[in-house]
């Protein structure tokens, strides 16, 4: 496969699409591109053990129009992580090391956020991947394991010395999971300590959030995941503002319903109706949150099993909303 636009100039990137396990699939990423963003895409988290046991990168769905595309690997074994990196290297613009996932089944084996307890090992993995592939290598991590073990500056400096091209900091500890408020001020502290680009992650759900975050952190850009759910225009709107000082309004409900219908149609086409409809259940609340009695409609939608039934309810929601406006 001859890939166009595989290379990436990280200094020109303002937005990174953060990986979301079980959410940011090939359809999700494709819709971000359709709505105009030139952000750096990231695959869902890929287990290095899994990939080494089945060394076929096509088990990870991706399309050429997604580029530039970062492949995120998770693991704690130097040999497995390096082998996995070599498998995806022909297809990757960047290889990202996951040092931030807080989920128990990931950290219990020493992966994800648990890597923050072993900075030297993380640095050795990064250096090994960089030497083996010659590609840009990044890492995403948190403030530390807990509030009493915040080592994000030390951790980042070790990665920078090992050759990291840029880093992404999610401004919560592992123990905080996704609770509380992301501490953007600490991202700003990290930015002052490093020479390589730093991207901010956590609680960036709107253009206003992005403005405030970059004002506080002075970072090179932002990494957004859940903020994109229900609004595929957000990365483009952020880029447009920071690169051209042009502010584009958030899509209204009619535009979001249209977006949801397209998302549903593409997932059904990609997975089949049964699996596609089930997959989409996690998204409804994000699309229709502005509707009165949204929880009632969401409860109705998640019980439906046919695409046409869902489309009918969506039309009813929009019709009712318009009549009440």
Protein backbone atom coordinates (compact mmCIF):
# COMPACT_ATOMS: atom_id res chain seq x y z
CA UNK A 1 0.00 0.00 0.00
CA UNK A 2 1.42 3.36 -1.05
CA UNK A 3 0.26 5.86 1.53
CA UNK A 4 -0.06 9.57 0.73
CA UNK A 5 0.36 12.20 3.43
CA UNK A 6 1.74 9.65 5.88
CA UNK A 7 4.31 12.06 7.31
CA UNK A 8 3.29 14.66 9.85
CA UNK A 9 4.81 17.98 10.92
CA UNK A 10 3.82 18.08 14.59
CA UNK A 11 4.61 21.81 14.74
CA UNK A 12 1.67 22.43 12.39
CA UNK A 13 -0.77 20.30 14.39
CA UNK A 14 -3.17 22.11 16.73
CA UNK A 15 -5.50 19.20 17.53
CA UNK A 16 -4.89 15.53 18.23
CA UNK A 17 -7.86 13.16 18.24
CA UNK A 18 -7.42 11.19 21.45
CA UNK A 19 -8.01 7.44 21.31
CA UNK A 20 -11.18 6.19 22.99
CA UNK A 21 -11.40 2.42 23.42
CA UNK A 22 -14.60 1.05 21.92
CA UNK A 23 -15.56 4.45 20.50
CA UNK A 24 -13.04 6.06 18.13
CA UNK A 25 -13.18 3.42 15.40
CA UNK A 26 -12.53 3.90 11.70
CA UNK A 27 -16.02 5.36 11.17
CA UNK A 28 -15.60 7.85 14.03
CA UNK A 29 -12.25 8.99 12.66
CA UNK A 30 -13.58 9.17 9.11
CA UNK A 31 -16.37 11.51 10.17
CA UNK A 32 -13.85 13.84 11.82
CA UNK A 33 -12.10 14.09 8.45
CA UNK A 34 -15.39 14.56 6.59
CA UNK A 35 -16.20 17.57 8.74
CA UNK A 36 -12.96 19.26 7.75
CA UNK A 37 -10.37 18.62 10.44
CA UNK A 38 -6.70 18.12 9.58
CA UNK A 39 -5.91 16.92 13.09
CA UNK A 40 -3.57 14.06 13.92
CA UNK A 41 -5.77 10.98 14.17
CA UNK A 42 -5.05 8.17 16.63
CA UNK A 43 -6.14 4.54 16.46
CA UNK A 44 -7.85 2.93 19.40
CA UNK A 45 -5.44 1.51 21.97
CA UNK A 46 -3.69 -1.55 20.51
CA UNK A 47 -2.37 -4.30 22.78
CA UNK A 48 1.24 -5.10 21.86
CA UNK A 49 0.73 -8.67 23.12
CA UNK A 50 -2.32 -9.13 20.90
CA UNK A 51 -0.61 -7.70 17.85
CA UNK A 52 2.50 -9.84 18.31
CA UNK A 53 0.34 -12.95 18.61
CA UNK A 54 -1.54 -12.02 15.43
CA UNK A 55 0.92 -9.90 13.41
CA UNK A 56 -1.53 -8.55 10.85
CA UNK A 57 -2.07 -4.79 11.09
CA UNK A 58 -5.27 -5.12 9.07
CA UNK A 59 -6.98 -6.40 12.22
CA UNK A 60 -6.90 -2.71 13.09
CA UNK A 61 -9.23 -0.95 10.67
CA UNK A 62 -7.92 2.23 9.08
CA UNK A 63 -8.27 4.05 5.77
CA UNK A 64 -5.86 6.16 3.74
CA UNK A 65 -7.98 9.31 4.06
CA UNK A 66 -7.35 9.29 7.83
CA UNK A 67 -3.70 10.32 7.51
CA UNK A 68 -1.77 11.62 9.30
CA UNK A 69 -2.48 8.71 11.66
CA UNK A 70 -0.86 7.76 14.95
CA UNK A 71 -0.92 4.15 16.14
CA UNK A 72 -1.21 3.88 19.93
CA UNK A 73 0.41 0.83 21.54
CA UNK A 74 -0.01 -0.37 25.11
CA UNK A 75 2.29 -2.77 26.95
CA UNK A 76 5.24 -2.91 29.33
CA UNK A 77 7.60 -5.42 27.68
CA UNK A 78 10.35 -3.85 25.60
CA UNK A 79 10.55 -6.73 23.12
CA UNK A 80 6.79 -6.98 22.56
CA UNK A 81 6.31 -3.21 22.26
CA UNK A 82 9.19 -2.96 19.79
CA UNK A 83 7.95 -5.90 17.75
CA UNK A 84 4.43 -4.44 17.65
CA UNK A 85 5.84 -1.06 16.60
CA UNK A 86 7.73 -2.68 13.73
CA UNK A 87 4.50 -4.35 12.56
CA UNK A 88 2.57 -1.06 12.35
CA UNK A 89 5.52 1.12 11.29
CA UNK A 90 4.81 0.88 7.52
CA UNK A 91 1.36 2.34 8.18
CA UNK A 92 2.03 4.80 11.00
CA UNK A 93 2.75 8.53 10.90
CA UNK A 94 3.52 8.42 14.64
CA UNK A 95 3.73 5.67 17.23
CA UNK A 96 2.19 6.67 20.56
CA UNK A 97 2.91 4.87 23.84
CA UNK A 98 -0.05 4.60 26.21
CA UNK A 99 1.11 5.49 29.72
CA UNK A 100 -2.22 6.96 30.74
CA UNK A 101 -5.05 4.39 30.61
CA UNK A 102 -6.36 4.08 34.19
CA UNK A 103 -8.62 1.03 33.73
CA UNK A 104 -7.94 -1.75 36.24
CA UNK A 105 -7.61 -4.58 33.70
CA UNK A 106 -4.89 -2.54 31.94
CA UNK A 107 -2.87 -1.32 34.94
CA UNK A 108 -2.99 -4.63 36.83
CA UNK A 109 -0.45 -6.08 34.37
CA UNK A 110 1.80 -3.01 34.52
CA UNK A 111 0.46 -1.29 31.41
CA UNK A 112 -1.13 2.13 30.89
CA UNK A 113 -0.92 4.44 33.92
CA UNK A 114 1.11 1.81 35.79
CA UNK A 115 4.02 2.75 33.50
CA UNK A 116 4.33 5.98 35.45
CA UNK A 117 5.71 3.92 38.32
CA UNK A 118 8.58 2.81 36.08
CA UNK A 119 9.86 5.88 34.19
CA UNK A 120 13.10 4.22 33.10
CA UNK A 121 11.23 1.28 31.58
CA UNK A 122 8.92 3.69 29.72
CA UNK A 123 11.97 5.56 28.41
CA UNK A 124 13.69 2.33 27.36
CA UNK A 125 10.56 1.25 25.45
CA UNK A 126 10.33 4.61 23.72
CA UNK A 127 13.99 4.59 22.71
CA UNK A 128 13.77 1.01 21.45
CA UNK A 129 10.73 1.82 19.31
CA UNK A 130 12.33 4.96 17.91
CA UNK A 131 15.57 3.15 17.07
CA UNK A 132 13.71 0.23 15.47
CA UNK A 133 11.27 2.25 13.35
CA UNK A 134 12.82 5.69 12.75
CA UNK A 135 9.35 7.18 13.23
CA UNK A 136 8.26 10.03 15.51
CA UNK A 137 7.33 8.57 18.90
CA UNK A 138 5.06 10.19 21.48
CA UNK A 139 3.60 9.26 24.84
CA UNK A 140 0.35 10.02 26.61
CA UNK A 141 0.39 9.97 30.40
CA UNK A 142 -1.25 11.39 33.54
CA UNK A 143 -0.14 13.52 36.47
CA UNK A 144 0.93 10.39 38.32
CA UNK A 145 -0.49 7.35 40.06
CA UNK A 146 -2.18 9.39 42.80
CA UNK A 147 -2.24 12.91 44.25
CA UNK A 148 0.65 11.96 46.55
CA UNK A 149 2.65 10.45 43.66
CA UNK A 150 2.56 13.15 40.99
CA UNK A 151 5.72 12.60 38.94
CA UNK A 152 4.58 13.90 35.57
CA UNK A 153 7.43 16.40 35.17
CA UNK A 154 10.11 13.86 36.06
CA UNK A 155 8.41 11.27 33.84
CA UNK A 156 8.20 13.64 30.87
CA UNK A 157 11.82 14.71 31.19
CA UNK A 158 12.98 11.09 31.12
CA UNK A 159 10.91 10.52 27.94
CA UNK A 160 12.23 13.70 26.36
CA UNK A 161 15.80 12.58 27.03
CA UNK A 162 14.98 9.18 25.49
CA UNK A 163 13.93 10.90 22.25
CA UNK A 164 10.19 11.58 22.54
CA UNK A 165 9.02 13.90 19.75
CA UNK A 166 6.06 15.22 21.76
CA UNK A 167 3.91 14.32 24.77
CA UNK A 168 0.24 14.49 25.72
CA UNK A 169 -0.69 15.10 29.37
CA UNK A 170 -4.10 14.16 30.74
CA UNK A 171 -4.34 16.42 33.77
CA UNK A 172 -5.69 13.89 36.27
CA UNK A 173 -4.00 11.18 38.31
CA UNK A 174 -4.68 7.50 37.74
CA UNK A 175 -6.56 7.25 41.05
CA UNK A 176 -8.85 10.12 39.97
CA UNK A 177 -9.87 8.11 36.89
CA UNK A 178 -12.23 10.53 35.08
CA UNK A 179 -13.66 12.19 38.19
CA UNK A 180 -13.14 15.77 39.34
CA UNK A 181 -11.72 18.54 37.20
CA UNK A 182 -8.61 18.30 35.01
CA UNK A 183 -5.85 20.54 36.39
CA UNK A 184 -4.79 22.50 33.32
CA UNK A 185 -2.41 24.61 35.41
CA UNK A 186 -0.13 21.60 35.83
CA UNK A 187 0.00 21.12 32.07
CA UNK A 188 1.26 24.70 31.91
CA UNK A 189 3.98 23.83 34.44
CA UNK A 190 5.07 20.90 32.28
CA UNK A 191 5.14 23.06 29.16
CA UNK A 192 7.68 25.37 30.86
CA UNK A 193 9.95 22.40 31.65
CA UNK A 194 10.16 20.74 28.23
CA UNK A 195 11.71 21.67 24.89
CA UNK A 196 9.49 19.27 22.90
CA UNK A 197 5.83 20.05 22.08
CA UNK A 198 3.24 19.44 24.81
CA UNK A 199 -0.46 18.79 24.13
CA UNK A 200 -3.16 19.27 26.76
CA UNK A 201 -5.85 16.67 27.43
CA UNK A 202 -8.84 16.51 29.76
CA UNK A 203 -12.21 18.31 30.00
CA UNK A 204 -11.96 20.00 26.58
CA UNK A 205 -15.49 19.69 25.26
CA UNK A 206 -16.13 23.00 23.50
CA UNK A 207 -14.30 25.69 21.57
CA UNK A 208 -14.46 27.88 24.67
CA UNK A 209 -12.79 25.10 26.69
CA UNK A 210 -10.02 24.92 24.09
CA UNK A 211 -9.47 28.69 24.21
CA UNK A 212 -9.28 28.73 28.01
CA UNK A 213 -7.04 25.64 28.15
CA UNK A 214 -4.49 27.03 25.71
CA UNK A 215 -4.54 30.39 27.48
CA UNK A 216 -3.74 28.70 30.80
CA UNK A 217 -1.22 26.15 29.52
CA UNK A 218 0.44 27.90 26.56
CA UNK A 219 0.62 24.41 25.07
CA UNK A 220 1.28 23.59 21.42
CA UNK A 221 -2.23 22.24 21.04
CA UNK A 222 -4.90 20.06 22.55
CA UNK A 223 -5.89 16.41 22.51
CA UNK A 224 -9.64 15.77 22.56
CA UNK A 225 -11.61 12.56 22.85
CA UNK A 226 -15.08 12.61 24.44
CA UNK A 227 -15.62 16.22 23.41
CA UNK A 228 -15.95 14.99 19.82
CA UNK A 229 -18.78 12.60 20.69
CA UNK A 230 -21.95 14.14 19.30
CA UNK A 231 -20.08 16.87 17.39
CA UNK A 232 -17.61 15.88 14.70
CA UNK A 233 -17.14 19.54 13.78
CA UNK A 234 -15.32 20.40 17.03
CA UNK A 235 -11.73 19.61 15.92
CA UNK A 236 -12.23 21.65 12.73
CA UNK A 237 -13.78 24.56 14.59
CA UNK A 238 -10.87 24.64 17.05
CA UNK A 239 -8.31 24.53 14.22
CA UNK A 240 -10.14 27.25 12.32
CA UNK A 241 -10.09 29.55 15.33
CA UNK A 242 -6.46 29.08 16.31
CA UNK A 243 -5.05 29.03 12.80
CA UNK A 244 -7.25 31.63 11.10
CA UNK A 245 -9.01 33.40 13.99
CA UNK A 246 -12.35 32.36 12.49
CA UNK A 247 -15.09 31.26 14.89
CA UNK A 248 -17.69 28.81 13.56
CA UNK A 249 -20.88 28.19 15.53
CA UNK A 250 -21.60 24.83 17.13
CA UNK A 251 -24.04 22.74 15.08
CA UNK A 252 -27.70 23.02 16.09
CA UNK A 253 -29.95 20.05 16.87
CA UNK A 254 -31.03 19.57 13.25
CA UNK A 255 -27.38 19.35 12.17
CA UNK A 256 -26.57 16.98 15.05
CA UNK A 257 -29.48 14.68 14.20
CA UNK A 258 -28.27 14.60 10.59
CA UNK A 259 -24.78 13.77 11.86
CA UNK A 260 -26.17 11.02 14.09
CA UNK A 261 -28.09 9.47 11.21
CA UNK A 262 -24.94 9.40 9.10
CA UNK A 263 -22.93 7.93 11.97
CA UNK A 264 -25.55 5.21 12.47
CA UNK A 265 -25.71 4.40 8.76
CA UNK A 266 -21.92 4.06 8.47
CA UNK A 267 -21.62 1.86 11.56
CA UNK A 268 -24.39 -0.41 10.29
CA UNK A 269 -22.60 -0.63 6.95
CA UNK A 270 -19.30 -1.35 8.71
CA UNK A 271 -20.52 -3.86 11.33
CA UNK A 272 -23.89 -5.07 10.12
CA UNK A 273 -27.23 -3.95 11.54
CA UNK A 274 -27.20 -5.96 14.78
CA UNK A 275 -23.71 -4.95 15.89
CA UNK A 276 -23.87 -1.45 14.41
CA UNK A 277 -27.09 -0.59 16.24
CA UNK A 278 -25.71 -1.95 19.53
CA UNK A 279 -22.47 0.00 19.06
CA UNK A 280 -24.33 3.27 18.54
CA UNK A 281 -26.22 3.08 21.85
CA UNK A 282 -23.33 4.72 23.70
CA UNK A 283 -23.55 7.83 21.49
CA UNK A 284 -27.22 8.91 21.63
CA UNK A 285 -26.98 10.98 24.80
CA UNK A 286 -24.17 13.10 23.33
CA UNK A 287 -26.16 13.97 20.22
CA UNK A 288 -29.52 14.76 21.85
CA UNK A 289 -28.41 16.20 25.21
CA UNK A 290 -29.93 19.62 24.36
CA UNK A 291 -33.41 18.16 23.87
CA UNK A 292 -36.04 18.43 26.59
CA UNK A 293 -36.54 15.04 28.27
CA UNK A 294 -33.39 13.75 26.53
CA UNK A 295 -33.02 10.86 28.98
CA UNK A 296 -36.51 9.59 28.04
CA UNK A 297 -35.61 9.55 24.36
CA UNK A 298 -32.25 7.93 25.03
CA UNK A 299 -33.94 5.15 27.00
CA UNK A 300 -36.27 4.57 24.05
CA UNK A 301 -33.46 4.60 21.48
CA UNK A 302 -31.23 2.10 23.29
CA UNK A 303 -34.06 -0.47 23.24
CA UNK A 304 -34.46 -0.38 19.47
CA UNK A 305 -32.80 -2.99 17.27
CA UNK A 306 -33.55 -1.80 13.73
CA UNK A 307 -31.96 1.14 11.93
CA UNK A 308 -35.28 2.29 10.45
CA UNK A 309 -36.94 2.31 13.89
CA UNK A 310 -34.16 4.55 15.21
CA UNK A 311 -34.43 6.93 12.25
CA UNK A 312 -38.17 7.25 12.87
CA UNK A 313 -37.62 8.21 16.54
CA UNK A 314 -34.93 10.72 15.57
CA UNK A 315 -37.35 12.37 13.14
CA UNK A 316 -39.97 12.52 15.90
CA UNK A 317 -37.47 14.14 18.29
CA UNK A 318 -36.56 16.80 15.74
CA UNK A 319 -40.17 17.45 14.80
CA UNK A 320 -41.21 17.88 18.43
CA UNK A 321 -38.20 20.10 19.16
CA UNK A 322 -39.00 22.34 16.18
CA UNK A 323 -42.67 22.63 17.15
CA UNK A 324 -41.67 23.74 20.66
CA UNK A 325 -39.08 26.26 19.46
